[in-house]
Amino acid sequence: MMRAVCRAEGSARQRLREEDALLRLAGVVDVRSLRDALRETAQGLLPSVECVCVYVLERDSRLQCDDPSHELPKEGKIRDMVGQLKRCVCAGLPPSEMHEKHRSSLAAPLPPHRRAVVIPLLDQEQGVVISVLLVGCKPLSDQDEQHLNTLEKHAAVACRRVRTLQSANQKSLVSLSPIQPHNALLRPDPTDYCDLDRKILQLCGELYDLDATTLQLKVINYLQQQTQSQCCCLLLVSEDNHQLFCQVVGDKVLEEEISFPLMFGRFGQVVEKKRSITLQDVTAEERRQLSSMLGSEVSSLLCVPVVSRATGQVVALACAFNKQGGQRCDTHTHKHESAL
């Protein structure tokens, strides 16, 4: 029994570490923070990491590392591995192809309990490698491989976002007229933004928080304000797509996480079909369980799938309960879907 409890607690802690790591990647907007996020994410998700060397594609087509500053050799074994466009695990890398700082952790031959992992991150649209991670760690388990699959997808999205922002900033600088002050970019015309824009930007500014629970509280508070609902929550989809779980309801952090099978009535269909549901769609038993979770009677409901742009999969269900002001959530589905 104690072993089962310990395994469950360990799994929950690992899930929180993964959530925190991915949230950090979701917040990067520049190359420096991207490098830091990639390094810290790999250290947080992989076993006994000794070294993480991060190369990022520069505008001059070089894969450049900043710790310390050097370029990935254009030829050699590492480049051959990167050219395979998939993760490679080996017993060490050629010492001549890496900086001396990383040789003790990555150079061949490594002892049996250590491995070198080469992780190329690909821009699928352009078909180019935009970043490379060299990681020195223990041999990978099946679970570590799954964590890396998730990391690679989110890391590639973060890299593409930074490259897009760099390109946009460069175009903006070029488009400045000779008599326009350089800091004009920092003073946008207030009329360019509507009230919803300001609220979303304010929310984004508040989300730079690596604690997953605190982040959920901020997002849920935003949802409650925008949907004018008595209560909101996020039902998160487990890694294996077998369960939904909830840690925060409204402004309360639950002492014990609520979880139930993914095929729990209509909610499983929301994940499968990626379509919203309202109170009219749920059964009496589902309504009873929702009321029990909230601690009050459910009079209206809007449940919207949250789809990851990186994977195209539903990662959570955003639920709004009991719209205030006498209007029912289920009669304004489209309006609230845009707000959510």
C-alpha atoms as a PDB file:
ATOM      1  CA  MET A   1       0.000   0.000   0.000  1.00  0.00           C
ATOM      2  CA  MET A   2       2.781   2.417   0.980  1.00  0.00           C
ATOM      3  CA  ARG A   3       4.631   1.629  -2.246  1.00  0.00           C
ATOM      4  CA  ALA A   4       1.521   2.452  -4.278  1.00  0.00           C
ATOM      5  CA  VAL A   5       1.099   5.748  -2.406  1.00  0.00           C
ATOM      6  CA  CYS A   6       4.756   6.627  -2.954  1.00  0.00           C
ATOM      7  CA  ARG A   7       4.474   5.825  -6.673  1.00  0.00           C
ATOM      8  CA  ALA A   8       1.361   7.985  -6.955  1.00  0.00           C
ATOM      9  CA  GLU A   9       3.038  10.872  -5.133  1.00  0.00           C
ATOM     10  CA  GLY A  10       6.141  10.512  -7.291  1.00  0.00           C
ATOM     11  CA  SER A  11       4.006  10.523 -10.446  1.00  0.00           C
ATOM     12  CA  ALA A  12       2.165  13.647  -9.292  1.00  0.00           C
ATOM     13  CA  ARG A  13       5.442  15.445  -8.529  1.00  0.00           C
ATOM     14  CA  GLN A  14       6.850  14.460 -11.910  1.00  0.00           C
ATOM     15  CA  ARG A  15       3.707  15.721 -13.646  1.00  0.00           C
ATOM     16  CA  LEU A  16       4.006  19.064 -11.847  1.00  0.00           C
ATOM     17  CA  ARG A  17       7.682  19.317 -12.838  1.00  0.00           C
ATOM     18  CA  GLU A  18       6.743  18.667 -16.443  1.00  0.00           C
ATOM     19  CA  GLU A  19       3.924  21.240 -16.316  1.00  0.00           C
ATOM     20  CA  ASP A  20       6.275  23.848 -14.821  1.00  0.00           C
ATOM     21  CA  ALA A  21       8.940  23.114 -17.433  1.00  0.00           C
ATOM     22  CA  LEU A  22       6.512  23.385 -20.347  1.00  0.00           C
ATOM     23  CA  LEU A  23       4.982  26.562 -18.942  1.00  0.00           C
ATOM     24  CA  ARG A  24       8.455  28.064 -18.833  1.00  0.00           C
ATOM     25  CA  LEU A  25       8.901  27.240 -22.529  1.00  0.00           C
ATOM     26  CA  ALA A  26       5.506  28.776 -23.298  1.00  0.00           C
ATOM     27  CA  GLY A  27       6.646  32.117 -21.870  1.00  0.00           C
ATOM     28  CA  VAL A  28       9.882  32.675 -23.802  1.00  0.00           C
ATOM     29  CA  VAL A  29      10.024  35.589 -26.239  1.00  0.00           C
ATOM     30  CA  ASP A  30      13.768  36.075 -26.831  1.00  0.00           C
ATOM     31  CA  VAL A  31      16.859  33.979 -27.505  1.00  0.00           C
ATOM     32  CA  ARG A  32      18.383  34.367 -24.047  1.00  0.00           C
ATOM     33  CA  SER A  33      15.268  33.187 -22.222  1.00  0.00           C
ATOM     34  CA  LEU A  34      14.864  30.427 -24.838  1.00  0.00           C
ATOM     35  CA  ARG A  35      18.343  29.051 -24.098  1.00  0.00           C
ATOM     36  CA  ASP A  36      17.715  29.181 -20.347  1.00  0.00           C
ATOM     37  CA  ALA A  37      14.309  27.511 -20.695  1.00  0.00           C
ATOM     38  CA  LEU A  38      15.620  24.703 -22.904  1.00  0.00           C
ATOM     39  CA  ARG A  39      18.490  24.041 -20.508  1.00  0.00           C
ATOM     40  CA  GLU A  40      16.330  24.082 -17.369  1.00  0.00           C
ATOM     41  CA  THR A  41      13.578  22.013 -18.981  1.00  0.00           C
ATOM     42  CA  ALA A  42      16.012  19.253 -19.948  1.00  0.00           C
ATOM     43  CA  GLN A  43      17.527  19.315 -16.456  1.00  0.00           C
ATOM     44  CA  GLY A  44      14.080  19.050 -14.883  1.00  0.00           C
ATOM     45  CA  LEU A  45      12.732  16.220 -17.042  1.00  0.00           C
ATOM     46  CA  LEU A  46      15.727  13.922 -17.580  1.00  0.00           C
ATOM     47  CA  PRO A  47      17.565  11.706 -15.047  1.00  0.00           C
ATOM     48  CA  SER A  48      20.764  12.915 -13.325  1.00  0.00           C
ATOM     49  CA  VAL A  49      21.690  15.504 -15.938  1.00  0.00           C
ATOM     50  CA  GLU A  50      25.349  16.568 -15.822  1.00  0.00           C
ATOM     51  CA  CYS A  51      25.422  18.794 -18.863  1.00  0.00           C
ATOM     52  CA  VAL A  52      23.061  20.529 -21.296  1.00  0.00           C
ATOM     53  CA  CYS A  53      24.646  22.290 -24.268  1.00  0.00           C
ATOM     54  CA  VAL A  54      22.126  24.409 -26.227  1.00  0.00           C
ATOM     55  CA  TYR A  55      22.758  25.474 -29.831  1.00  0.00           C
ATOM     56  CA  VAL A  56      20.322  27.911 -31.474  1.00  0.00           C
ATOM     57  CA  LEU A  57      20.196  28.739 -35.182  1.00  0.00           C
ATOM     58  CA  GLU A  58      21.388  32.277 -35.810  1.00  0.00           C
ATOM     59  CA  ARG A  59      20.320  34.467 -38.725  1.00  0.00           C
ATOM     60  CA  ASP A  60      23.608  33.694 -40.485  1.00  0.00           C
ATOM     61  CA  SER A  61      22.695  29.966 -40.445  1.00  0.00           C
ATOM     62  CA  ARG A  62      25.160  29.038 -37.671  1.00  0.00           C
ATOM     63  CA  LEU A  63      24.121  26.822 -34.766  1.00  0.00           C
ATOM     64  CA  GLN A  64      25.571  28.850 -31.904  1.00  0.00           C
ATOM     65  CA  CYS A  65      26.045  28.058 -28.196  1.00  0.00           C
ATOM     66  CA  ASP A  66      26.569  30.778 -25.583  1.00  0.00           C
ATOM     67  CA  ASP A  67      27.955  28.719 -22.664  1.00  0.00           C
ATOM     68  CA  PRO A  68      30.699  29.368 -23.616  1.00  0.00           C
ATOM     69  CA  SER A  69      30.335  30.983 -27.022  1.00  0.00           C
ATOM     70  CA  HIS A  70      31.153  28.550 -29.841  1.00  0.00           C
ATOM     71  CA  GLU A  71      29.633  27.106 -33.017  1.00  0.00           C
ATOM     72  CA  LEU A  72      28.546  23.530 -33.683  1.00  0.00           C
ATOM     73  CA  PRO A  73      31.033  22.098 -36.213  1.00  0.00           C
ATOM     74  CA  LYS A  74      29.628  21.996 -39.726  1.00  0.00           C
ATOM     75  CA  GLU A  75      31.015  18.499 -40.276  1.00  0.00           C
ATOM     76  CA  GLY A  76      31.570  15.418 -38.133  1.00  0.00           C
ATOM     77  CA  LYS A  77      29.712  12.789 -36.147  1.00  0.00           C
ATOM     78  CA  ILE A  78      27.479  15.268 -34.277  1.00  0.00           C
ATOM     79  CA  ARG A  79      26.420  16.928 -37.538  1.00  0.00           C
ATOM     80  CA  ASP A  80      25.690  13.493 -39.012  1.00  0.00           C
ATOM     81  CA  MET A  81      23.431  12.705 -36.041  1.00  0.00           C
ATOM     82  CA  VAL A  82      21.675  16.067 -36.351  1.00  0.00           C
ATOM     83  CA  GLY A  83      21.193  15.373 -40.066  1.00  0.00           C
ATOM     84  CA  GLN A  84      19.098  12.311 -39.195  1.00  0.00           C
ATOM     85  CA  LEU A  85      16.471  14.766 -37.849  1.00  0.00           C
ATOM     86  CA  LYS A  86      15.688  12.570 -34.873  1.00  0.00           C
ATOM     87  CA  ARG A  87      16.932  12.012 -31.339  1.00  0.00           C
ATOM     88  CA  CYS A  88      20.128   9.965 -31.007  1.00  0.00           C
ATOM     89  CA  VAL A  89      21.482   8.296 -27.863  1.00  0.00           C
ATOM     90  CA  CYS A  90      25.088   7.068 -27.753  1.00  0.00           C
ATOM     91  CA  ALA A  91      27.982   6.182 -25.451  1.00  0.00           C
ATOM     92  CA  GLY A  92      29.762   9.455 -26.134  1.00  0.00           C
ATOM     93  CA  LEU A  93      30.629  12.102 -28.731  1.00  0.00           C
ATOM     94  CA  PRO A  94      33.983  12.935 -30.376  1.00  0.00           C
ATOM     95  CA  PRO A  95      35.987  15.192 -28.006  1.00  0.00           C
ATOM     96  CA  SER A  96      37.320  17.215 -30.936  1.00  0.00           C
ATOM     97  CA  GLU A  97      33.777  18.302 -31.907  1.00  0.00           C
ATOM     98  CA  MET A  98      32.813  19.955 -28.610  1.00  0.00           C
ATOM     99  CA  HIS A  99      34.039  22.645 -26.270  1.00  0.00           C
ATOM    100  CA  GLU A 100      36.400  21.489 -23.552  1.00  0.00           C
ATOM    101  CA  LYS A 101      33.888  22.527 -20.868  1.00  0.00           C
ATOM    102  CA  HIS A 102      31.504  19.756 -21.972  1.00  0.00           C
ATOM    103  CA  ARG A 103      33.975  16.957 -22.678  1.00  0.00           C
ATOM    104  CA  SER A 104      33.903  15.399 -19.212  1.00  0.00           C
ATOM    105  CA  SER A 105      30.129  14.856 -19.519  1.00  0.00           C
ATOM    106  CA  LEU A 106      29.735  14.104 -23.237  1.00  0.00           C
ATOM    107  CA  ALA A 107      33.021  12.844 -24.713  1.00  0.00           C
ATOM    108  CA  ALA A 108      33.452   9.191 -25.692  1.00  0.00           C
ATOM    109  CA  PRO A 109      33.904   6.733 -24.173  1.00  0.00           C
ATOM    110  CA  LEU A 110      31.322   7.268 -21.447  1.00  0.00           C
ATOM    111  CA  PRO A 111      30.858   4.734 -18.614  1.00  0.00           C
ATOM    112  CA  PRO A 112      27.865   2.361 -18.845  1.00  0.00           C
ATOM    113  CA  HIS A 113      25.788   4.452 -16.435  1.00  0.00           C
ATOM    114  CA  ARG A 114      26.121   7.621 -18.548  1.00  0.00           C
ATOM    115  CA  ARG A 115      24.825   8.485 -22.026  1.00  0.00           C
ATOM    116  CA  ALA A 116      25.042  11.363 -24.493  1.00  0.00           C
ATOM    117  CA  VAL A 117      21.754  12.444 -26.089  1.00  0.00           C
ATOM    118  CA  VAL A 118      21.632  14.525 -29.285  1.00  0.00           C
ATOM    119  CA  ILE A 119      18.264  16.264 -29.719  1.00  0.00           C
ATOM    120  CA  PRO A 120      17.641  18.234 -32.943  1.00  0.00           C
ATOM    121  CA  LEU A 121      14.590  20.531 -32.922  1.00  0.00           C
ATOM    122  CA  LEU A 122      13.030  20.929 -36.343  1.00  0.00           C
ATOM    123  CA  ASP A 123      10.978  23.667 -37.964  1.00  0.00           C
ATOM    124  CA  GLN A 124       8.547  21.414 -39.823  1.00  0.00           C
ATOM    125  CA  GLU A 125       7.330  24.192 -42.118  1.00  0.00           C
ATOM    126  CA  GLN A 126      10.789  25.180 -43.350  1.00  0.00           C
ATOM    127  CA  GLY A 127      12.391  21.760 -42.950  1.00  0.00           C
ATOM    128  CA  VAL A 128      15.455  23.086 -41.085  1.00  0.00           C
ATOM    129  CA  VAL A 129      17.015  22.336 -37.711  1.00  0.00           C
ATOM    130  CA  ILE A 130      16.533  25.437 -35.553  1.00  0.00           C
ATOM    131  CA  SER A 131      18.137  24.190 -32.342  1.00  0.00           C
ATOM    132  CA  VAL A 132      20.245  21.295 -31.058  1.00  0.00           C
ATOM    133  CA  LEU A 133      20.562  20.041 -27.472  1.00  0.00           C
ATOM    134  CA  LEU A 134      23.481  17.900 -26.327  1.00  0.00           C
ATOM    135  CA  VAL A 135      22.615  16.289 -23.009  1.00  0.00           C
ATOM    136  CA  GLY A 136      24.768  14.177 -20.701  1.00  0.00           C
ATOM    137  CA  CYS A 137      22.621  12.046 -18.381  1.00  0.00           C
ATOM    138  CA  LYS A 138      21.805   8.536 -17.186  1.00  0.00           C
ATOM    139  CA  PRO A 139      20.387   5.997 -19.696  1.00  0.00           C
ATOM    140  CA  LEU A 140      16.819   6.896 -20.636  1.00  0.00           C
ATOM    141  CA  SER A 141      13.825   4.898 -19.418  1.00  0.00           C
ATOM    142  CA  ASP A 142      10.625   4.509 -21.430  1.00  0.00           C
ATOM    143  CA  GLN A 143       9.071   7.282 -19.316  1.00  0.00           C
ATOM    144  CA  ASP A 144      12.057   9.549 -20.005  1.00  0.00           C
ATOM    145  CA  GLU A 145      11.561   8.941 -23.724  1.00  0.00           C
ATOM    146  CA  GLN A 146       7.903   9.997 -23.387  1.00  0.00           C
ATOM    147  CA  HIS A 147       8.924  13.153 -21.530  1.00  0.00           C
ATOM    148  CA  LEU A 148      11.412  13.928 -24.293  1.00  0.00           C
ATOM    149  CA  ASN A 149       8.730  13.488 -26.953  1.00  0.00           C
ATOM    150  CA  THR A 150       6.652  16.144 -25.185  1.00  0.00           C
ATOM    151  CA  LEU A 151       9.669  18.387 -24.612  1.00  0.00           C
ATOM    152  CA  GLU A 152      10.703  18.259 -28.274  1.00  0.00           C
ATOM    153  CA  LYS A 153       7.265  19.307 -29.526  1.00  0.00           C
ATOM    154  CA  HIS A 154       6.931  22.253 -27.131  1.00  0.00           C
ATOM    155  CA  ALA A 155      10.575  23.285 -27.508  1.00  0.00           C
ATOM    156  CA  ALA A 156      10.253  23.398 -31.311  1.00  0.00           C
ATOM    157  CA  VAL A 157       7.178  25.629 -30.974  1.00  0.00           C
ATOM    158  CA  ALA A 158       9.077  27.945 -28.611  1.00  0.00           C
ATOM    159  CA  CYS A 159      12.011  28.160 -31.040  1.00  0.00           C
ATOM    160  CA  ARG A 160       9.716  29.000 -33.957  1.00  0.00           C
ATOM    161  CA  ARG A 161       7.977  31.664 -31.869  1.00  0.00           C
ATOM    162  CA  VAL A 162      11.281  33.353 -30.988  1.00  0.00           C
ATOM    163  CA  ARG A 163      12.416  33.272 -34.625  1.00  0.00           C
ATOM    164  CA  THR A 164       9.101  34.787 -35.748  1.00  0.00           C
ATOM    165  CA  LEU A 165       9.368  37.552 -33.152  1.00  0.00           C
ATOM    166  CA  GLN A 166      12.956  38.263 -34.181  1.00  0.00           C
ATOM    167  CA  SER A 167      11.898  38.555 -37.805  1.00  0.00           C
ATOM    168  CA  ALA A 168       8.960  40.813 -36.926  1.00  0.00           C
ATOM    169  CA  ASN A 169      11.140  43.077 -34.788  1.00  0.00           C
ATOM    170  CA  GLN A 170      13.708  43.346 -37.554  1.00  0.00           C
ATOM    171  CA  LYS A 171      11.028  44.347 -40.075  1.00  0.00           C
ATOM    172  CA  SER A 172       9.624  46.898 -37.647  1.00  0.00           C
ATOM    173  CA  LEU A 173      13.032  48.518 -37.209  1.00  0.00           C
ATOM    174  CA  VAL A 174      13.568  48.672 -40.972  1.00  0.00           C
ATOM    175  CA  SER A 175      10.142  50.231 -41.498  1.00  0.00           C
ATOM    176  CA  LEU A 176      10.820  53.189 -39.167  1.00  0.00           C
ATOM    177  CA  SER A 177      10.971  56.451 -41.115  1.00  0.00           C
ATOM    178  CA  PRO A 178      14.145  58.592 -40.797  1.00  0.00           C
ATOM    179  CA  ILE A 179      12.351  61.225 -38.692  1.00  0.00           C
ATOM    180  CA  GLN A 180      10.477  58.754 -36.487  1.00  0.00           C
ATOM    181  CA  PRO A 181      12.019  58.360 -33.020  1.00  0.00           C
ATOM    182  CA  HIS A 182      13.502  54.914 -32.362  1.00  0.00           C
ATOM    183  CA  ASN A 183      11.478  54.482 -29.149  1.00  0.00           C
ATOM    184  CA  ALA A 184       8.225  54.969 -31.063  1.00  0.00           C
ATOM    185  CA  LEU A 185       7.935  51.185 -31.177  1.00  0.00           C
ATOM    186  CA  LEU A 186       7.658  51.225 -27.399  1.00  0.00           C
ATOM    187  CA  ARG A 187       4.744  53.695 -27.395  1.00  0.00           C
ATOM    188  CA  PRO A 188       1.876  52.153 -29.388  1.00  0.00           C
ATOM    189  CA  ASP A 189      -1.177  54.234 -30.109  1.00  0.00           C
ATOM    190  CA  PRO A 190      -3.726  53.480 -27.338  1.00  0.00           C
ATOM    191  CA  THR A 191      -6.471  53.391 -29.966  1.00  0.00           C
ATOM    192  CA  ASP A 192      -4.827  50.317 -31.513  1.00  0.00           C
ATOM    193  CA  TYR A 193      -6.059  48.108 -28.676  1.00  0.00           C
ATOM    194  CA  CYS A 194      -9.538  47.227 -27.479  1.00  0.00           C
ATOM    195  CA  ASP A 195     -10.439  46.445 -23.884  1.00  0.00           C
ATOM    196  CA  LEU A 196     -10.202  42.685 -24.473  1.00  0.00           C
ATOM    197  CA  ASP A 197      -6.687  43.125 -25.928  1.00  0.00           C
ATOM    198  CA  ARG A 198      -5.595  44.937 -22.771  1.00  0.00           C
ATOM    199  CA  LYS A 199      -7.043  42.257 -20.509  1.00  0.00           C
ATOM    200  CA  ILE A 200      -5.344  39.476 -22.473  1.00  0.00           C
ATOM    201  CA  LEU A 201      -2.010  41.332 -22.431  1.00  0.00           C
ATOM    202  CA  GLN A 202      -2.377  41.902 -18.694  1.00  0.00           C
ATOM    203  CA  LEU A 203      -3.074  38.194 -18.184  1.00  0.00           C
ATOM    204  CA  CYS A 204      -0.001  37.253 -20.247  1.00  0.00           C
ATOM    205  CA  GLY A 205       2.120  39.537 -18.098  1.00  0.00           C
ATOM    206  CA  GLU A 206       0.868  37.839 -14.957  1.00  0.00           C
ATOM    207  CA  LEU A 207       1.512  34.306 -16.254  1.00  0.00           C
ATOM    208  CA  TYR A 208       5.288  34.472 -15.833  1.00  0.00           C
ATOM    209  CA  ASP A 209       5.052  32.150 -12.854  1.00  0.00           C
ATOM    210  CA  LEU A 210       6.571  28.697 -12.815  1.00  0.00           C
ATOM    211  CA  ASP A 211       4.176  27.387 -10.166  1.00  0.00           C
ATOM    212  CA  ALA A 212       1.491  25.450 -12.034  1.00  0.00           C
ATOM    213  CA  THR A 213      -1.107  25.880  -9.287  1.00  0.00           C
ATOM    214  CA  THR A 214      -0.672  29.654  -9.131  1.00  0.00           C
ATOM    215  CA  LEU A 215      -0.875  29.866 -12.909  1.00  0.00           C
ATOM    216  CA  GLN A 216      -4.142  27.916 -12.901  1.00  0.00           C
ATOM    217  CA  LEU A 217      -5.572  30.292 -10.299  1.00  0.00           C
ATOM    218  CA  LYS A 218      -4.726  33.286 -12.497  1.00  0.00           C
ATOM    219  CA  VAL A 219      -6.190  31.727 -15.642  1.00  0.00           C
ATOM    220  CA  ILE A 220      -9.351  30.618 -13.827  1.00  0.00           C
ATOM    221  CA  ASN A 221      -9.807  34.063 -12.299  1.00  0.00           C
ATOM    222  CA  TYR A 222      -9.543  35.568 -15.790  1.00  0.00           C
ATOM    223  CA  LEU A 223     -12.104  33.103 -17.155  1.00  0.00           C
ATOM    224  CA  GLN A 224     -14.547  33.871 -14.338  1.00  0.00           C
ATOM    225  CA  GLN A 225     -14.301  37.604 -14.995  1.00  0.00           C
ATOM    226  CA  GLN A 226     -14.659  37.331 -18.765  1.00  0.00           C
ATOM    227  CA  THR A 227     -17.534  34.823 -18.716  1.00  0.00           C
ATOM    228  CA  GLN A 228     -19.194  36.412 -15.664  1.00  0.00           C
ATOM    229  CA  SER A 229     -19.486  32.956 -14.141  1.00  0.00           C
ATOM    230  CA  GLN A 230     -19.793  31.971 -10.515  1.00  0.00           C
ATOM    231  CA  CYS A 231     -17.013  29.420 -10.879  1.00  0.00           C
ATOM    232  CA  CYS A 232     -14.562  28.067 -13.457  1.00  0.00           C
ATOM    233  CA  CYS A 233     -12.065  25.212 -13.525  1.00  0.00           C
ATOM    234  CA  LEU A 234      -9.588  23.478 -15.806  1.00  0.00           C
ATOM    235  CA  LEU A 235      -9.884  19.717 -16.277  1.00  0.00           C
ATOM    236  CA  LEU A 236      -6.413  18.638 -17.382  1.00  0.00           C
ATOM    237  CA  VAL A 237      -5.890  15.641 -19.652  1.00  0.00           C
ATOM    238  CA  SER A 238      -3.315  13.154 -18.337  1.00  0.00           C
ATOM    239  CA  GLU A 239      -0.220  12.279 -20.368  1.00  0.00           C
ATOM    240  CA  ASP A 240      -1.558   8.863 -21.271  1.00  0.00           C
ATOM    241  CA  ASN A 241      -4.936  10.343 -22.315  1.00  0.00           C
ATOM    242  CA  HIS A 242      -6.724   8.043 -19.886  1.00  0.00           C
ATOM    243  CA  GLN A 243      -7.814  10.483 -17.187  1.00  0.00           C
ATOM    244  CA  LEU A 244      -9.045  13.985 -16.473  1.00  0.00           C
ATOM    245  CA  PHE A 245      -7.838  15.593 -13.275  1.00  0.00           C
ATOM    246  CA  CYS A 246      -8.531  18.855 -11.495  1.00  0.00           C
ATOM    247  CA  GLN A 247      -6.446  20.613  -8.847  1.00  0.00           C
ATOM    248  CA  VAL A 248      -8.078  24.051  -8.702  1.00  0.00           C
ATOM    249  CA  VAL A 249     -11.804  24.936  -8.628  1.00  0.00           C
ATOM    250  CA  GLY A 250     -12.626  28.642  -8.647  1.00  0.00           C
ATOM    251  CA  ASP A 251     -10.334  30.326  -6.126  1.00  0.00           C
ATOM    252  CA  LYS A 252      -9.730  27.134  -4.139  1.00  0.00           C
ATOM    253  CA  VAL A 253      -6.767  24.766  -4.375  1.00  0.00           C
ATOM    254  CA  LEU A 254      -8.034  21.282  -3.563  1.00  0.00           C
ATOM    255  CA  GLU A 255      -6.274  19.331  -0.837  1.00  0.00           C
ATOM    256  CA  GLU A 256      -6.722  16.173  -2.873  1.00  0.00           C
ATOM    257  CA  GLU A 257      -6.694  16.179  -6.656  1.00  0.00           C
ATOM    258  CA  ILE A 258      -9.968  15.107  -8.288  1.00  0.00           C
ATOM    259  CA  SER A 259      -9.607  12.625 -11.146  1.00  0.00           C
ATOM    260  CA  PHE A 260     -11.916  10.468 -13.214  1.00  0.00           C
ATOM    261  CA  PRO A 261     -11.654   8.342 -16.376  1.00  0.00           C
ATOM    262  CA  LEU A 262     -11.398  10.241 -19.624  1.00  0.00           C
ATOM    263  CA  MET A 263     -14.432   8.397 -20.956  1.00  0.00           C
ATOM    264  CA  PHE A 264     -16.527   9.990 -18.199  1.00  0.00           C
ATOM    265  CA  GLY A 265     -19.725  10.628 -20.140  1.00  0.00           C
ATOM    266  CA  ARG A 266     -19.788  13.646 -22.413  1.00  0.00           C
ATOM    267  CA  PHE A 267     -16.404  14.982 -21.298  1.00  0.00           C
ATOM    268  CA  GLY A 268     -14.609  12.192 -23.116  1.00  0.00           C
ATOM    269  CA  GLN A 269     -16.441  13.231 -26.279  1.00  0.00           C
ATOM    270  CA  VAL A 270     -15.239  16.819 -25.855  1.00  0.00           C
ATOM    271  CA  VAL A 271     -11.654  15.527 -25.889  1.00  0.00           C
ATOM    272  CA  GLU A 272     -12.260  13.133 -28.781  1.00  0.00           C
ATOM    273  CA  LYS A 273     -14.345  15.409 -31.037  1.00  0.00           C
ATOM    274  CA  LYS A 274     -12.888  18.758 -29.884  1.00  0.00           C
ATOM    275  CA  ARG A 275     -16.378  20.243 -29.553  1.00  0.00           C
ATOM    276  CA  SER A 276     -17.887  22.297 -26.743  1.00  0.00           C
ATOM    277  CA  ILE A 277     -20.801  21.068 -24.631  1.00  0.00           C
ATOM    278  CA  THR A 278     -23.351  22.762 -22.369  1.00  0.00           C
ATOM    279  CA  LEU A 279     -25.510  21.633 -19.478  1.00  0.00           C
ATOM    280  CA  GLN A 280     -28.128  20.316 -21.898  1.00  0.00           C
ATOM    281  CA  ASP A 281     -25.601  17.719 -23.131  1.00  0.00           C
ATOM    282  CA  VAL A 282     -24.722  16.090 -19.778  1.00  0.00           C
ATOM    283  CA  THR A 283     -26.612  13.340 -17.969  1.00  0.00           C
ATOM    284  CA  ALA A 284     -28.276  13.668 -14.567  1.00  0.00           C
ATOM    285  CA  GLU A 285     -25.469  11.619 -12.994  1.00  0.00           C
ATOM    286  CA  GLU A 286     -22.777  13.835 -14.523  1.00  0.00           C
ATOM    287  CA  ARG A 287     -24.651  16.906 -13.306  1.00  0.00           C
ATOM    288  CA  ARG A 288     -24.765  15.439  -9.793  1.00  0.00           C
ATOM    289  CA  GLN A 289     -21.013  14.793  -9.801  1.00  0.00           C
ATOM    290  CA  LEU A 290     -20.293  18.305 -11.062  1.00  0.00           C
ATOM    291  CA  SER A 291     -22.453  19.786  -8.299  1.00  0.00           C
ATOM    292  CA  SER A 292     -20.533  17.685  -5.778  1.00  0.00           C
ATOM    293  CA  MET A 293     -17.219  18.953  -7.142  1.00  0.00           C
ATOM    294  CA  LEU A 294     -18.353  22.593  -6.967  1.00  0.00           C
ATOM    295  CA  GLY A 295     -20.143  22.284  -3.649  1.00  0.00           C
ATOM    296  CA  SER A 296     -23.257  23.913  -5.101  1.00  0.00           C
ATOM    297  CA  GLU A 297     -26.015  23.212  -7.636  1.00  0.00           C
ATOM    298  CA  VAL A 298     -25.018  23.575 -11.305  1.00  0.00           C
ATOM    299  CA  SER A 299     -27.555  25.695 -13.162  1.00  0.00           C
ATOM    300  CA  SER A 300     -25.554  26.362 -16.343  1.00  0.00           C
ATOM    301  CA  LEU A 301     -22.370  25.061 -17.936  1.00  0.00           C
ATOM    302  CA  LEU A 302     -20.059  25.721 -20.838  1.00  0.00           C
ATOM    303  CA  CYS A 303     -17.177  23.268 -21.404  1.00  0.00           C
ATOM    304  CA  VAL A 304     -14.646  24.152 -24.122  1.00  0.00           C
ATOM    305  CA  PRO A 305     -11.670  22.010 -25.296  1.00  0.00           C
ATOM    306  CA  VAL A 306      -8.218  23.604 -25.057  1.00  0.00           C
ATOM    307  CA  VAL A 307      -6.121  22.375 -27.997  1.00  0.00           C
ATOM    308  CA  SER A 308      -2.319  22.466 -28.050  1.00  0.00           C
ATOM    309  CA  ARG A 309      -1.009  24.145 -31.185  1.00  0.00           C
ATOM    310  CA  ALA A 310       2.160  22.084 -30.852  1.00  0.00           C
ATOM    311  CA  THR A 311       0.468  18.667 -30.952  1.00  0.00           C
ATOM    312  CA  GLY A 312      -3.089  19.348 -32.145  1.00  0.00           C
ATOM    313  CA  GLN A 313      -4.347  17.373 -29.144  1.00  0.00           C
ATOM    314  CA  VAL A 314      -6.775  18.458 -26.419  1.00  0.00           C
ATOM    315  CA  VAL A 315      -4.728  19.132 -23.273  1.00  0.00           C
ATOM    316  CA  ALA A 316      -7.482  20.483 -21.022  1.00  0.00           C
ATOM    317  CA  LEU A 317     -11.161  21.333 -20.753  1.00  0.00           C
ATOM    318  CA  ALA A 318     -12.054  24.876 -19.659  1.00  0.00           C
ATOM    319  CA  CYS A 319     -15.348  24.810 -17.758  1.00  0.00           C
ATOM    320  CA  ALA A 320     -17.512  27.785 -16.739  1.00  0.00           C
ATOM    321  CA  PHE A 321     -20.400  27.220 -14.310  1.00  0.00           C
ATOM    322  CA  ASN A 322     -23.456  29.260 -13.319  1.00  0.00           C
ATOM    323  CA  LYS A 323     -23.276  32.415 -15.394  1.00  0.00           C
ATOM    324  CA  GLN A 324     -24.262  35.419 -13.337  1.00  0.00           C
ATOM    325  CA  GLY A 325     -26.819  38.054 -14.301  1.00  0.00           C
ATOM    326  CA  GLY A 326     -29.618  35.661 -15.176  1.00  0.00           C
ATOM    327  CA  GLN A 327     -28.248  34.545 -18.584  1.00  0.00           C
ATOM    328  CA  ARG A 328     -27.484  30.906 -19.158  1.00  0.00           C
ATOM    329  CA  CYS A 329     -24.017  29.860 -20.366  1.00  0.00           C
ATOM    330  CA  ASP A 330     -25.572  27.261 -22.632  1.00  0.00           C
ATOM    331  CA  THR A 331     -27.476  29.879 -24.616  1.00  0.00           C
ATOM    332  CA  HIS A 332     -24.325  31.889 -25.422  1.00  0.00           C
ATOM    333  CA  THR A 333     -21.909  29.170 -26.409  1.00  0.00           C
ATOM    334  CA  HIS A 334     -20.217  30.933 -29.309  1.00  0.00           C
ATOM    335  CA  LYS A 335     -19.739  34.178 -27.431  1.00  0.00           C
ATOM    336  CA  HIS A 336     -17.999  32.491 -24.524  1.00  0.00           C
ATOM    337  CA  GLU A 337     -15.927  30.188 -26.682  1.00  0.00           C
ATOM    338  CA  SER A 338     -14.210  33.254 -28.100  1.00  0.00           C
ATOM    339  CA  ALA A 339     -13.697  34.646 -24.588  1.00  0.00           C
ATOM    340  CA  LEU A 340     -12.227  31.359 -23.377  1.00  0.00           C
END
